[in-house]
Protein backbone atom coordinates (compact mmCIF):
# COMPACT_ATOMS: atom_id res chain seq x y z
CA UNK A 1 -12.10 -2.09 32.74
CA UNK A 2 -10.99 1.57 33.46
CA UNK A 3 -11.39 3.85 30.96
CA UNK A 4 -9.80 7.32 29.45
CA UNK A 5 -10.43 9.31 26.99
CA UNK A 6 -8.62 9.14 24.40
CA UNK A 7 -6.28 12.54 24.00
CA UNK A 8 -8.07 14.98 22.37
CA UNK A 9 -10.83 12.97 21.12
CA UNK A 10 -14.05 11.37 22.10
CA UNK A 11 -12.80 8.25 22.30
CA UNK A 12 -13.14 6.80 25.74
CA UNK A 13 -11.74 3.89 25.68
CA UNK A 14 -10.17 0.82 28.16
CA UNK A 15 -7.05 0.65 29.51
CA UNK A 16 -5.18 -2.24 28.05
CA UNK A 17 -5.89 -2.73 24.18
CA UNK A 18 -5.78 -6.02 21.92
CA UNK A 19 -2.59 -5.50 20.19
CA UNK A 20 -2.71 -8.49 17.01
CA UNK A 21 0.09 -8.73 15.08
CA UNK A 22 0.90 -12.20 16.01
CA UNK A 23 -2.89 -12.42 14.72
CA UNK A 24 -1.41 -11.72 11.50
CA UNK A 25 0.76 -15.59 11.47
CA UNK A 26 3.31 -16.49 9.22
CA UNK A 27 5.19 -14.09 6.84
CA UNK A 28 8.80 -14.84 7.10
CA UNK A 29 10.92 -12.18 9.24
CA UNK A 30 7.70 -9.89 10.12
CA UNK A 31 5.31 -12.96 11.23
CA UNK A 32 4.62 -14.45 14.88
CA UNK A 33 4.98 -18.16 12.63
CA UNK A 34 2.33 -20.51 12.17
CA UNK A 35 -1.01 -19.21 14.26
CA UNK A 36 -4.78 -20.56 14.21
CA UNK A 37 -7.37 -19.12 13.15
CA UNK A 38 -9.84 -20.54 15.50
CA UNK A 39 -8.04 -19.04 18.83
CA UNK A 40 -6.74 -15.78 17.61
CA UNK A 41 -10.56 -15.93 17.17
CA UNK A 42 -11.26 -16.77 21.12
CA UNK A 43 -8.34 -14.83 21.38
CA UNK A 44 -10.85 -11.16 20.04
CA UNK A 45 -13.81 -12.47 22.00
CA UNK A 46 -12.32 -13.25 25.21
CA UNK A 47 -10.65 -9.26 25.17
CA UNK A 48 -14.02 -7.63 23.73
CA UNK A 49 -15.60 -9.67 26.73
CA UNK A 50 -13.48 -8.73 29.40
CA UNK A 51 -14.38 -5.12 29.20
CA UNK A 52 -11.35 -4.05 26.40
CA UNK A 53 -12.74 -1.98 23.72
CA UNK A 54 -10.44 -1.68 20.88
CA UNK A 55 -8.33 -3.50 19.02
CA UNK A 56 -4.81 -2.54 17.00
CA UNK A 57 -4.23 -3.61 13.84
CA UNK A 58 -2.27 -2.88 11.00
CA UNK A 59 -2.50 -3.49 7.21
CA UNK A 60 1.21 -5.16 7.50
CA UNK A 61 0.45 -7.82 10.27
CA UNK A 62 -0.34 -10.87 7.60
CA UNK A 63 -0.78 -8.84 4.84
CA UNK A 64 -4.11 -8.34 5.64
CA UNK A 65 -4.27 -11.30 8.14
CA UNK A 66 -4.79 -10.00 10.65
CA UNK A 67 -7.62 -7.39 9.63
CA UNK A 68 -9.58 -10.46 8.22
CA UNK A 69 -9.45 -12.70 11.58
CA UNK A 70 -10.76 -9.84 13.81
CA UNK A 71 -13.82 -9.39 11.40
CA UNK A 72 -14.62 -12.86 11.59
CA UNK A 73 -14.63 -12.26 15.31
CA UNK A 74 -16.29 -9.32 15.54
CA UNK A 75 -19.58 -10.78 13.07
CA UNK A 76 -19.59 -13.09 16.88
CA UNK A 77 -18.75 -10.11 19.18
CA UNK A 78 -21.10 -8.86 21.73
CA UNK A 79 -20.15 -5.59 21.17
CA UNK A 80 -18.26 -3.35 18.55
CA UNK A 81 -15.19 -2.58 19.85
CA UNK A 82 -13.15 0.58 17.74
CA UNK A 83 -11.05 -0.60 15.14
CA UNK A 84 -7.07 1.16 15.24
CA UNK A 85 -5.32 0.54 11.95
CA UNK A 86 -2.50 2.00 10.34
CA UNK A 87 -0.52 3.10 6.26
CA UNK A 88 2.71 3.19 5.83
CA UNK A 89 3.98 -0.61 5.10
CA UNK A 90 3.45 -1.92 2.23
CA UNK A 91 4.21 -5.04 -0.40
CA UNK A 92 3.95 -5.81 -3.80
CA UNK A 93 1.34 -9.06 -4.55
CA UNK A 94 3.54 -12.35 -4.15
CA UNK A 95 5.81 -11.09 -1.62
CA UNK A 96 6.33 -10.78 2.06
CA UNK A 97 8.95 -7.67 1.89
CA UNK A 98 6.97 -5.21 3.67
CA UNK A 99 8.16 -1.74 2.91
CA UNK A 100 7.24 1.95 3.50
CA UNK A 101 4.91 4.65 1.09
CA UNK A 102 3.22 7.16 1.64
CA UNK A 103 1.03 8.82 -0.51
CA UNK A 104 -2.32 9.97 -1.22
CA UNK A 105 -2.91 6.87 -3.35
CA UNK A 106 -1.36 5.01 -1.36
CA UNK A 107 -3.20 5.81 1.81
CA UNK A 108 -6.78 5.63 0.20
CA UNK A 109 -6.01 2.24 -0.83
CA UNK A 110 -4.68 1.20 2.57
CA UNK A 111 -7.85 2.68 4.49
CA UNK A 112 -10.27 1.32 1.40
CA UNK A 113 -8.48 -2.36 1.29
CA UNK A 114 -8.79 -2.10 5.24
CA UNK A 115 -12.52 -1.26 5.55
CA UNK A 116 -13.07 -3.91 3.60
CA UNK A 117 -10.78 -5.76 4.41
CA UNK A 118 -12.26 -5.60 8.26
CA UNK A 119 -16.09 -5.70 7.04
CA UNK A 120 -16.57 -1.63 9.20
CA UNK A 121 -17.94 1.76 8.21
CA UNK A 122 -15.15 3.39 9.80
CA UNK A 123 -11.51 3.53 11.11
CA UNK A 124 -12.12 5.10 14.79
CA UNK A 125 -8.55 5.86 14.55
CA UNK A 126 -6.26 5.85 11.52
CA UNK A 127 -2.26 5.97 12.15
CA UNK A 128 0.60 6.29 10.38
CA UNK A 129 2.77 3.53 10.65
């Protein structure tokens, strides 16, 4: 797979990446409906095996579920991809309605939550949603 340096960084990323919004599953208006977790894991692994070396995800995708599914897939991966995730779309516990929130406190909490769900030590690209 052809790669290219991302902007002024040292990240040499594949021209194609894997977006994970649909992997998040069914959360009402913000989701893609019921998803098979195993199909999602297989999709992540197939993407990595085909040469894709980065995954785009977000805290809001499936209210954290996409990040959790990616973590499960990475346990079986033959390579470690770059992980790009986002902050800024939040929800209250027990609810599925998303709202924008950006503050020092909320960003720190979202980073910690993403690192835990993904079971990684570093987020390679962090974006505001």
